[in-house]
Amino acid sequence: MKETPLSNCERRFLLRAVQERKRLDGRQCYDYRNVRISFGTDYGCCIVELGKTRVLGQVSCELVPPKPNRATEGILFFNLELSPMAAPAFEPGRQSELLVKLNRLIERCLRNSKCIDTESLCVVAGEKVWQIRVDLHVLNHDGNITDAASIAGIVALCHFRRPDVSVQGEEITVYTPEERDPVPLSIHHMPICVSFAFFQQGTYLLVDPSEREERVMDGLLVIAMNKHNEICTIQSSGGIMLLMDQVLRCSKISAVKVAEITELIQKALENDQKVRKEGGKFGFAESIPNQKITAFKMEGAAVDTTDVEEQAEEIITKADPPSEVFTQPILHTAGTAQIGEGIENAWGDLEESEREETADEEGETDAPAFEWEKIKMEDTSGTKETEKDEPIVLSDSEEEEVVILEPQAPSRKTRTQATLKQENTSKKTFNKKRKKKRVAH
């Protein structure tokens, strides 16, 4: 699905707001959106919210052979996914230009900066090392995915714990969390990306652009820095020419923002570790509001059934007897019955046509299945009775059909299936003709 383009009015409105130093969400030019960090129940799982942009980070590990040129170093693998859940313009299973650019930027920020000691991931040199995989899923896109993904990646790595390992000769033993406490990764520093959007060829500058601001910007500058004011990577896109003073100003702003975000990450990690030790609510359970049902689950309760008969007798003796008791059900017709008190009809009296139809139905039900001794015919002149021995000819005024019923039907024992079927058809046709005549008259 293609992205919905901005109209000319929206574009002019956004550019005019940037010129007047105003933003749609009420921030100033150098303000950063609120950062919220929450952790999952397992180590290495976190969700980072940058405004309305949300990124899920998950870290996993496995023992693999090392690379031939780096026999004593572990392996770091990063994977960023843009799903249609984040934005309708993202297509699943397709490597878009944006996705490739973001993956390379995250790898340069977190892997090439040597923020993790990969040599500590070696178990047996040249044979077994730990491979750390970082999966980043964009849950909602509201601008500045780069910063949110970098924060989610470093937070997930800091929160992750790998299983403890022991080596005895050629035997490698991996311990479960119950046997030995997991081991955290060795992290030297925490690089964090800060994005700057430029408008009108670098005349105006905004920090942490939103999704609408990214559509109308001329260029983007991303600076990855740690709290020691060390630049880990820098990238400029959009084809704009930046002056040295502009880059220096952006680096100073990045130093301030990175220090604030690093402090926030450390506090979040400390709080999560403290809550886990105390045994309280931790992980995503913190964000669930109270007084709400989250699962249809009830604890089983024991029921005492020793005195059930005595209690039932007491309830019956104390209860009032019903006002009227019907010993037998009310039978309307053969094969039917009514359950209940038989309340009278509250719909009023039936009309004449409804009475006739009711009488016909009752007559048909009460009559024997396939024996007709006498058939009453209603004509315009009156009613006429015919005996069994005479053939019966039925005809209406419209002369649509003529039905002849054979006299002296065979006995019930000697009837065949074809005879029964023919009699049923004749009976139904006869009833239809009678009703049509009443409607015509």
Protein backbone atom coordinates (compact mmCIF):
# COMPACT_ATOMS: atom_id res chain seq x y z
CA MET A 1 0.00 0.00 0.00
CA LYS A 2 1.42 3.34 -1.00
CA GLU A 3 1.86 6.10 1.50
CA THR A 4 -0.80 8.81 1.40
CA PRO A 5 0.88 11.96 0.04
CA LEU A 6 0.58 15.30 1.77
CA SER A 7 -1.54 17.95 0.13
CA ASN A 8 -0.05 21.29 -0.87
CA CYS A 9 -1.99 23.01 1.92
CA GLU A 10 -0.57 20.67 4.57
CA ARG A 11 2.94 21.08 3.22
CA ARG A 12 2.74 24.89 3.23
CA PHE A 13 1.22 24.83 6.73
CA LEU A 14 4.05 22.68 8.14
CA LEU A 15 6.77 24.77 6.51
CA ARG A 16 5.16 27.98 7.73
CA ALA A 17 5.02 26.58 11.27
CA VAL A 18 8.74 25.69 11.10
CA GLN A 19 9.57 29.25 10.00
CA GLU A 20 7.63 30.62 12.98
CA ARG A 21 9.46 28.25 15.38
CA LYS A 22 6.30 26.29 16.15
CA ARG A 23 5.55 22.55 16.07
CA LEU A 24 2.27 20.66 15.89
CA ASP A 25 2.76 18.88 19.23
CA GLY A 26 3.69 22.07 21.08
CA ARG A 27 7.42 21.36 21.42
CA GLN A 28 10.22 23.81 20.91
CA CYS A 29 12.79 23.32 18.15
CA TYR A 30 15.33 21.51 20.38
CA ASP A 31 12.86 19.57 22.54
CA TYR A 32 12.87 15.77 22.61
CA ARG A 33 9.72 13.73 22.99
CA ASN A 34 9.11 11.76 26.20
CA VAL A 35 10.97 8.45 26.37
CA ARG A 36 9.30 5.55 28.18
CA ILE A 37 10.99 2.19 28.77
CA SER A 38 9.24 -1.00 29.92
CA PHE A 39 10.64 -4.52 30.24
CA GLY A 40 9.21 -7.97 29.62
CA THR A 41 9.15 -10.93 31.96
CA ASP A 42 12.24 -12.46 30.30
CA TYR A 43 15.66 -10.89 30.26
CA GLY A 44 16.49 -9.05 27.07
CA CYS A 45 12.94 -7.99 26.15
CA CYS A 46 11.91 -4.32 26.25
CA ILE A 47 9.59 -1.80 24.62
CA VAL A 48 10.76 1.77 24.03
CA GLU A 49 8.22 4.51 23.37
CA LEU A 50 9.44 7.77 21.84
CA GLY A 51 6.26 9.79 21.77
CA LYS A 52 3.90 7.57 19.80
CA THR A 53 6.72 5.68 18.07
CA ARG A 54 7.08 2.25 19.65
CA VAL A 55 9.85 -0.31 19.10
CA LEU A 56 10.10 -3.79 20.63
CA GLY A 57 13.61 -5.15 21.28
CA GLN A 58 14.36 -8.84 21.89
CA VAL A 59 17.80 -10.39 22.43
CA SER A 60 18.57 -14.11 22.09
CA CYS A 61 21.76 -16.18 22.04
CA GLU A 62 23.11 -19.53 20.89
CA LEU A 63 26.44 -21.36 20.67
CA VAL A 64 27.90 -21.35 17.14
CA PRO A 65 31.33 -21.79 15.53
CA PRO A 66 33.23 -18.47 15.26
CA LYS A 67 34.18 -16.67 12.07
CA PRO A 68 37.46 -17.94 10.55
CA ASN A 69 39.18 -14.53 10.75
CA ARG A 70 37.97 -13.86 14.33
CA ALA A 71 38.37 -17.15 16.17
CA THR A 72 38.25 -15.62 19.69
CA GLU A 73 35.36 -13.18 19.24
CA GLY A 74 31.64 -13.65 19.55
CA ILE A 75 29.12 -12.67 16.88
CA LEU A 76 26.62 -9.81 17.01
CA PHE A 77 23.65 -9.85 14.62
CA PHE A 78 21.05 -7.09 14.28
CA ASN A 79 17.72 -7.37 12.49
CA LEU A 80 15.20 -4.52 12.15
CA GLU A 81 11.70 -5.23 10.83
CA LEU A 82 9.13 -2.79 9.47
CA SER A 83 5.72 -4.46 9.49
CA PRO A 84 2.38 -3.11 8.18
CA MET A 85 1.26 -2.95 11.81
CA ALA A 86 3.52 0.08 12.26
CA ALA A 87 2.38 1.94 9.13
CA PRO A 88 0.30 0.94 6.07
CA ALA A 89 3.12 1.95 3.73
CA PHE A 90 5.42 -0.81 5.06
CA GLU A 91 5.21 -4.06 3.11
CA PRO A 92 6.08 -7.43 4.72
CA GLY A 93 8.92 -9.49 3.31
CA ARG A 94 10.33 -6.70 1.18
CA GLN A 95 13.68 -5.01 1.70
CA SER A 96 12.83 -1.37 1.15
CA GLU A 97 15.43 1.36 0.88
CA LEU A 98 14.46 2.74 4.28
CA LEU A 99 14.85 -0.67 5.94
CA VAL A 100 18.32 -1.25 4.47
CA LYS A 101 19.45 2.22 5.55
CA LEU A 102 18.16 1.74 9.10
CA ASN A 103 19.77 -1.69 9.45
CA ARG A 104 23.16 -0.39 8.38
CA LEU A 105 22.90 2.60 10.69
CA ILE A 106 22.01 0.42 13.71
CA GLU A 107 24.92 -1.93 12.96
CA ARG A 108 27.39 0.95 12.77
CA CYS A 109 26.00 2.44 15.96
CA LEU A 110 25.99 -0.70 18.12
CA ARG A 111 28.42 -3.17 16.55
CA ASN A 112 31.12 -1.09 14.87
CA SER A 113 31.36 1.21 17.89
CA LYS A 114 32.62 -1.77 19.97
CA CYS A 115 30.18 -1.04 22.75
CA ILE A 116 30.07 -4.77 23.63
CA ASP A 117 33.12 -6.82 24.51
CA THR A 118 32.87 -9.58 21.91
CA GLU A 119 35.93 -11.41 23.26
CA SER A 120 34.03 -12.17 26.47
CA LEU A 121 31.55 -14.14 24.33
CA CYS A 122 34.19 -16.74 23.42
CA VAL A 123 33.71 -20.17 25.04
CA VAL A 124 36.37 -22.27 23.26
CA ALA A 125 38.69 -20.44 20.87
CA GLY A 126 38.10 -21.51 17.30
CA GLU A 127 35.27 -23.91 18.23
CA LYS A 128 32.38 -22.35 20.15
CA VAL A 129 31.37 -18.74 20.75
CA TRP A 130 28.12 -17.01 21.68
CA GLN A 131 26.09 -15.46 18.88
CA ILE A 132 23.98 -12.57 20.17
CA ARG A 133 20.98 -11.75 18.01
CA VAL A 134 19.07 -8.48 18.45
CA ASP A 135 15.62 -8.33 16.83
CA LEU A 136 13.95 -4.92 16.63
CA HIS A 137 10.27 -4.74 15.65
CA VAL A 138 8.66 -1.37 14.92
CA LEU A 139 5.18 -1.51 16.49
CA ASN A 140 4.07 2.01 15.60
CA HIS A 141 5.62 4.62 13.32
CA ASP A 142 5.23 8.26 14.26
CA GLY A 143 8.61 9.53 13.09
CA ASN A 144 12.27 9.12 14.11
CA ILE A 145 12.51 5.32 14.01
CA THR A 146 16.32 5.57 14.13
CA ASP A 147 16.50 7.02 17.63
CA ALA A 148 13.83 4.69 19.04
CA ALA A 149 15.50 1.61 17.51
CA SER A 150 18.96 2.55 18.82
CA ILE A 151 17.60 3.08 22.33
CA ALA A 152 15.65 -0.21 22.21
CA GLY A 153 18.74 -2.09 20.98
CA ILE A 154 21.12 -0.86 23.69
CA VAL A 155 18.50 -1.24 26.45
CA ALA A 156 17.76 -4.84 25.40
CA LEU A 157 21.48 -5.66 25.37
CA CYS A 158 21.99 -4.13 28.84
CA HIS A 159 19.00 -6.04 30.19
CA PHE A 160 19.95 -9.39 28.62
CA ARG A 161 21.50 -12.28 30.58
CA ARG A 162 23.16 -15.22 28.85
CA PRO A 163 23.39 -18.73 30.40
CA ASP A 164 26.49 -19.59 32.38
CA VAL A 165 28.92 -22.05 30.77
CA SER A 166 31.68 -24.29 32.07
CA VAL A 167 34.36 -26.11 30.04
CA GLN A 168 36.00 -29.33 31.26
CA GLY A 169 38.37 -30.72 28.67
CA GLU A 170 36.36 -30.99 25.48
CA GLU A 171 33.00 -31.05 27.26
CA ILE A 172 30.95 -27.83 27.33
CA THR A 173 28.17 -27.55 29.93
CA VAL A 174 25.44 -24.92 29.61
CA TYR A 175 23.61 -24.32 32.89
CA THR A 176 19.94 -23.43 33.23
CA PRO A 177 18.86 -20.33 35.19
CA GLU A 178 17.80 -22.62 38.07
CA GLU A 179 21.26 -24.17 38.32
CA ARG A 180 23.30 -21.00 37.95
CA ASP A 181 22.44 -17.35 37.66
CA PRO A 182 22.65 -15.99 34.10
CA VAL A 183 25.57 -13.75 33.23
CA PRO A 184 25.08 -10.17 31.89
CA LEU A 185 26.95 -8.97 28.82
CA SER A 186 30.11 -6.89 29.15
CA ILE A 187 29.12 -3.42 27.85
CA HIS A 188 31.72 -0.62 27.65
CA HIS A 189 29.45 2.30 26.74
CA MET A 190 25.94 3.03 25.45
CA PRO A 191 25.82 4.77 22.04
CA ILE A 192 22.52 6.53 21.30
CA CYS A 193 21.39 8.13 18.02
CA VAL A 194 20.01 11.68 17.89
CA SER A 195 18.31 12.85 14.66
CA PHE A 196 18.15 16.41 13.32
CA ALA A 197 15.83 17.53 10.50
CA PHE A 198 16.81 20.47 8.28
CA PHE A 199 14.45 22.71 6.31
CA GLN A 200 15.10 25.18 3.50
CA GLN A 201 18.64 23.95 2.85
CA GLY A 202 19.75 24.03 6.47
CA THR A 203 18.19 27.36 7.46
CA TYR A 204 15.91 25.81 10.10
CA LEU A 205 16.68 22.90 12.43
CA LEU A 206 14.41 20.56 14.42
CA VAL A 207 15.38 17.84 16.91
CA ASP A 208 13.52 14.52 16.95
CA PRO A 209 11.25 15.11 13.91
CA SER A 210 7.78 13.59 13.84
CA GLU A 211 6.30 11.66 10.93
CA ARG A 212 4.71 14.74 9.31
CA GLU A 213 7.88 16.78 9.73
CA GLU A 214 9.95 14.03 8.09
CA ARG A 215 7.80 14.28 4.96
CA VAL A 216 8.56 17.95 4.35
CA MET A 217 12.19 18.07 5.51
CA ASP A 218 15.06 18.65 3.06
CA GLY A 219 17.70 16.57 4.84
CA LEU A 220 18.45 14.51 7.94
CA LEU A 221 21.55 14.36 10.13
CA VAL A 222 22.02 11.46 12.58
CA ILE A 223 24.73 11.57 15.25
CA ALA A 224 25.42 8.53 17.47
CA MET A 225 27.18 9.49 20.69
CA ASN A 226 27.76 8.15 24.19
CA LYS A 227 27.72 9.98 27.51
CA HIS A 228 31.49 10.51 27.30
CA ASN A 229 30.91 12.86 24.32
CA GLU A 230 32.47 10.36 21.92
CA ILE A 231 30.91 10.34 18.47
CA CYS A 232 30.38 6.71 17.39
CA THR A 233 28.92 7.38 13.94
CA ILE A 234 27.51 10.25 11.93
CA GLN A 235 25.35 10.13 8.82
CA SER A 236 23.83 12.82 6.60
CA SER A 237 21.10 12.11 4.04
CA GLY A 238 18.92 14.18 1.77
CA GLY A 239 21.59 15.85 -0.39
CA ILE A 240 21.97 19.04 1.66
CA MET A 241 25.21 20.91 2.24
CA LEU A 242 25.88 21.57 5.92
CA LEU A 243 28.39 24.05 7.31
CA MET A 244 30.89 23.17 10.00
CA ASP A 245 29.12 25.41 12.52
CA GLN A 246 25.85 23.56 11.93
CA VAL A 247 27.46 20.17 12.58
CA LEU A 248 29.17 21.46 15.74
CA ARG A 249 25.91 22.88 17.02
CA CYS A 250 24.17 19.53 16.39
CA SER A 251 26.95 17.66 18.23
CA LYS A 252 26.56 19.90 21.29
CA ILE A 253 22.82 19.33 21.33
CA SER A 254 23.42 15.57 20.98
CA ALA A 255 25.74 15.54 24.00
CA VAL A 256 22.99 17.01 26.18
CA LYS A 257 20.26 14.70 24.89
CA VAL A 258 22.43 11.56 25.14
CA ALA A 259 23.33 12.33 28.76
CA GLU A 260 19.65 12.66 29.66
CA ILE A 261 18.63 9.47 27.86
CA THR A 262 21.54 7.48 29.35
CA GLU A 263 20.51 8.50 32.85
CA LEU A 264 16.94 7.49 32.12
CA ILE A 265 18.08 4.06 30.86
CA GLN A 266 20.19 3.43 33.94
CA LYS A 267 17.31 4.33 36.26
CA ALA A 268 14.95 2.03 34.37
CA LEU A 269 17.40 -0.87 34.60
CA GLU A 270 17.98 -0.30 38.32
CA ASN A 271 14.25 -0.16 39.06
CA ASP A 272 13.59 -3.35 37.12
CA GLN A 273 16.38 -5.19 38.92
CA LYS A 274 15.15 -3.96 42.29
CA VAL A 275 11.57 -5.03 41.63
CA ARG A 276 12.68 -8.48 40.44
CA LYS A 277 14.63 -9.05 43.64
CA GLU A 278 11.70 -7.96 45.81
CA GLY A 279 9.34 -10.26 43.92
CA GLY A 280 6.82 -7.56 42.98
CA LYS A 281 5.27 -6.74 39.64
CA PHE A 282 7.83 -6.39 36.91
CA GLY A 283 7.83 -6.36 33.14
CA PHE A 284 4.81 -5.41 31.09
CA ALA A 285 2.56 -6.07 34.10
CA GLU A 286 3.45 -2.58 35.36
CA SER A 287 1.57 -0.94 32.48
CA ILE A 288 -1.65 -2.92 33.10
CA PRO A 289 -4.11 -0.73 35.06
CA ASN A 290 -5.70 -2.10 38.21
CA GLN A 291 -9.35 -3.09 38.66
CA LYS A 292 -9.59 -4.69 35.25
CA ILE A 293 -10.11 -8.32 34.30
CA THR A 294 -7.13 -9.59 32.35
CA ALA A 295 -8.04 -13.29 32.30
CA PHE A 296 -11.20 -15.33 32.87
CA LYS A 297 -9.78 -17.50 35.59
CA MET A 298 -11.32 -18.40 38.97
CA GLU A 299 -9.89 -20.40 41.82
CA GLY A 300 -11.60 -23.68 42.58
CA ALA A 301 -13.73 -23.80 45.75
CA ALA A 302 -14.62 -26.96 47.70
CA VAL A 303 -18.36 -27.74 47.94
CA ASP A 304 -19.79 -29.78 50.86
CA THR A 305 -22.40 -32.24 49.56
CA THR A 306 -23.02 -34.30 52.73
CA ASP A 307 -26.31 -32.64 53.78
CA VAL A 308 -27.73 -31.92 50.34
CA GLU A 309 -30.86 -34.08 50.78
CA GLU A 310 -31.74 -32.57 54.15
CA GLN A 311 -31.25 -29.04 52.86
CA ALA A 312 -33.41 -29.77 49.82
CA GLU A 313 -36.24 -31.10 52.03
CA GLU A 314 -36.13 -27.98 54.21
CA ILE A 315 -36.31 -25.72 51.16
CA ILE A 316 -39.29 -27.68 49.78
CA THR A 317 -41.23 -27.57 53.08
CA LYS A 318 -40.66 -23.82 53.48
CA ALA A 319 -41.57 -22.98 49.89
CA ASP A 320 -45.18 -21.96 49.07
CA PRO A 321 -47.17 -24.39 46.92
CA PRO A 322 -48.10 -23.18 43.42
CA SER A 323 -51.54 -21.59 42.94
CA GLU A 324 -52.74 -24.09 40.30
CA VAL A 325 -51.40 -27.52 39.57
CA PHE A 326 -52.03 -29.20 36.23
CA THR A 327 -51.86 -32.95 36.59
CA GLN A 328 -51.98 -33.54 32.85
CA PRO A 329 -50.59 -31.45 30.01
CA ILE A 330 -52.99 -29.68 27.68
CA LEU A 331 -53.21 -31.56 24.39
CA HIS A 332 -54.19 -29.34 21.47
CA THR A 333 -53.92 -31.94 18.73
CA ALA A 334 -52.52 -35.40 18.37
CA GLY A 335 -48.77 -35.39 18.82
CA THR A 336 -48.53 -31.95 20.48
CA ALA A 337 -48.54 -30.80 24.10
CA GLN A 338 -48.18 -27.60 26.09
CA ILE A 339 -45.85 -27.13 29.03
CA GLY A 340 -46.83 -24.43 31.48
CA GLU A 341 -49.98 -22.82 32.82
CA GLY A 342 -51.72 -22.38 29.48
CA ILE A 343 -52.18 -18.61 29.50
CA GLU A 344 -55.02 -17.34 27.34
CA ASN A 345 -54.36 -15.69 24.01
CA ALA A 346 -53.76 -11.94 24.42
CA TRP A 347 -53.80 -11.11 20.71
CA GLY A 348 -57.58 -10.85 20.43
CA ASP A 349 -60.03 -12.88 18.35
CA LEU A 350 -58.99 -14.37 15.06
CA GLU A 351 -60.32 -13.01 11.79
CA GLU A 352 -62.65 -15.05 9.64
CA SER A 353 -59.95 -16.10 7.16
CA GLU A 354 -57.63 -17.16 10.01
CA ARG A 355 -60.42 -19.18 11.61
CA GLU A 356 -61.03 -21.05 8.38
CA GLU A 357 -57.34 -21.81 7.98
CA THR A 358 -57.15 -23.03 11.58
CA ALA A 359 -60.20 -25.23 11.06
CA ASP A 360 -58.70 -26.68 7.89
CA GLU A 361 -55.46 -27.51 9.66
CA GLU A 362 -57.30 -29.15 12.55
CA GLY A 363 -59.46 -31.11 10.12
CA GLU A 364 -56.45 -32.32 8.25
CA THR A 365 -54.77 -33.40 11.46
CA ASP A 366 -57.76 -35.22 12.91
CA ALA A 367 -58.58 -37.05 9.68
CA PRO A 368 -57.07 -40.49 9.05
CA ALA A 369 -53.84 -40.55 7.15
CA PHE A 370 -55.00 -41.80 3.79
CA GLU A 371 -58.71 -42.60 4.08
CA TRP A 372 -61.34 -40.13 2.93
CA GLU A 373 -64.88 -41.36 3.18
CA LYS A 374 -66.53 -38.09 2.20
CA ILE A 375 -65.14 -34.92 0.65
CA LYS A 376 -67.02 -31.65 0.96
CA MET A 377 -66.90 -29.30 -1.97
CA GLU A 378 -67.79 -25.66 -1.86
CA ASP A 379 -69.13 -24.07 -5.02
CA THR A 380 -70.56 -20.69 -5.80
CA SER A 381 -74.00 -22.27 -5.66
CA GLY A 382 -73.49 -24.14 -2.41
CA THR A 383 -72.18 -27.31 -0.84
CA LYS A 384 -72.48 -30.77 -2.30
CA GLU A 385 -71.67 -34.18 -0.85
CA THR A 386 -70.51 -37.14 -2.95
CA GLU A 387 -70.45 -40.77 -2.09
CA LYS A 388 -67.48 -43.12 -2.21
CA ASP A 389 -68.54 -44.89 -5.38
CA GLU A 390 -68.67 -41.77 -7.53
CA PRO A 391 -65.53 -40.26 -9.12
CA ILE A 392 -64.72 -36.81 -7.80
CA VAL A 393 -63.84 -34.00 -10.17
CA LEU A 394 -62.48 -30.76 -8.69
CA SER A 395 -62.25 -27.61 -10.75
CA ASP A 396 -62.01 -23.89 -9.99
CA SER A 397 -63.35 -20.90 -11.88
CA GLU A 398 -59.99 -20.16 -13.50
CA GLU A 399 -59.77 -23.71 -14.95
CA GLU A 400 -56.13 -24.07 -14.08
CA GLU A 401 -56.10 -27.74 -13.12
CA VAL A 402 -58.44 -30.70 -12.87
CA VAL A 403 -57.82 -33.31 -10.17
CA ILE A 404 -59.58 -36.68 -10.28
CA LEU A 405 -59.53 -38.80 -7.16
CA GLU A 406 -60.09 -42.53 -7.66
CA PRO A 407 -62.89 -44.05 -5.59
CA GLN A 408 -62.39 -46.99 -3.27
CA ALA A 409 -58.85 -46.50 -2.10
CA PRO A 410 -57.05 -49.78 -1.48
CA SER A 411 -56.72 -51.08 2.03
CA ARG A 412 -53.86 -49.85 4.18
CA LYS A 413 -52.11 -53.20 4.17
CA THR A 414 -51.95 -53.60 0.36
CA ARG A 415 -50.89 -50.05 -0.52
CA THR A 416 -47.58 -49.49 -2.23
CA GLN A 417 -45.21 -46.59 -1.84
CA ALA A 418 -46.20 -45.08 -5.21
CA THR A 419 -49.88 -45.11 -4.20
CA LEU A 420 -49.17 -43.33 -0.92
CA LYS A 421 -47.14 -40.67 -2.71
CA GLN A 422 -49.93 -40.05 -5.26
CA GLU A 423 -52.52 -39.64 -2.51
CA ASN A 424 -50.37 -37.17 -0.60
CA THR A 425 -49.93 -35.05 -3.74
CA SER A 426 -53.66 -35.04 -4.44
CA LYS A 427 -54.43 -34.03 -0.87
CA LYS A 428 -52.06 -31.06 -0.95
CA THR A 429 -53.43 -29.85 -4.30
CA PHE A 430 -56.96 -30.06 -3.00
CA ASN A 431 -56.18 -27.91 0.07
CA LYS A 432 -54.50 -25.24 -2.08
CA LYS A 433 -57.56 -24.98 -4.38
CA ARG A 434 -59.89 -24.54 -1.43
CA LYS A 435 -57.85 -21.70 0.01
CA LYS A 436 -57.60 -19.97 -3.39
CA LYS A 437 -61.37 -20.09 -3.79
CA ARG A 438 -61.93 -18.45 -0.42
CA VAL A 439 -59.56 -15.63 -1.32
CA ALA A 440 -61.33 -15.12 -4.69
CA HIS A 441 -64.78 -14.96 -3.04
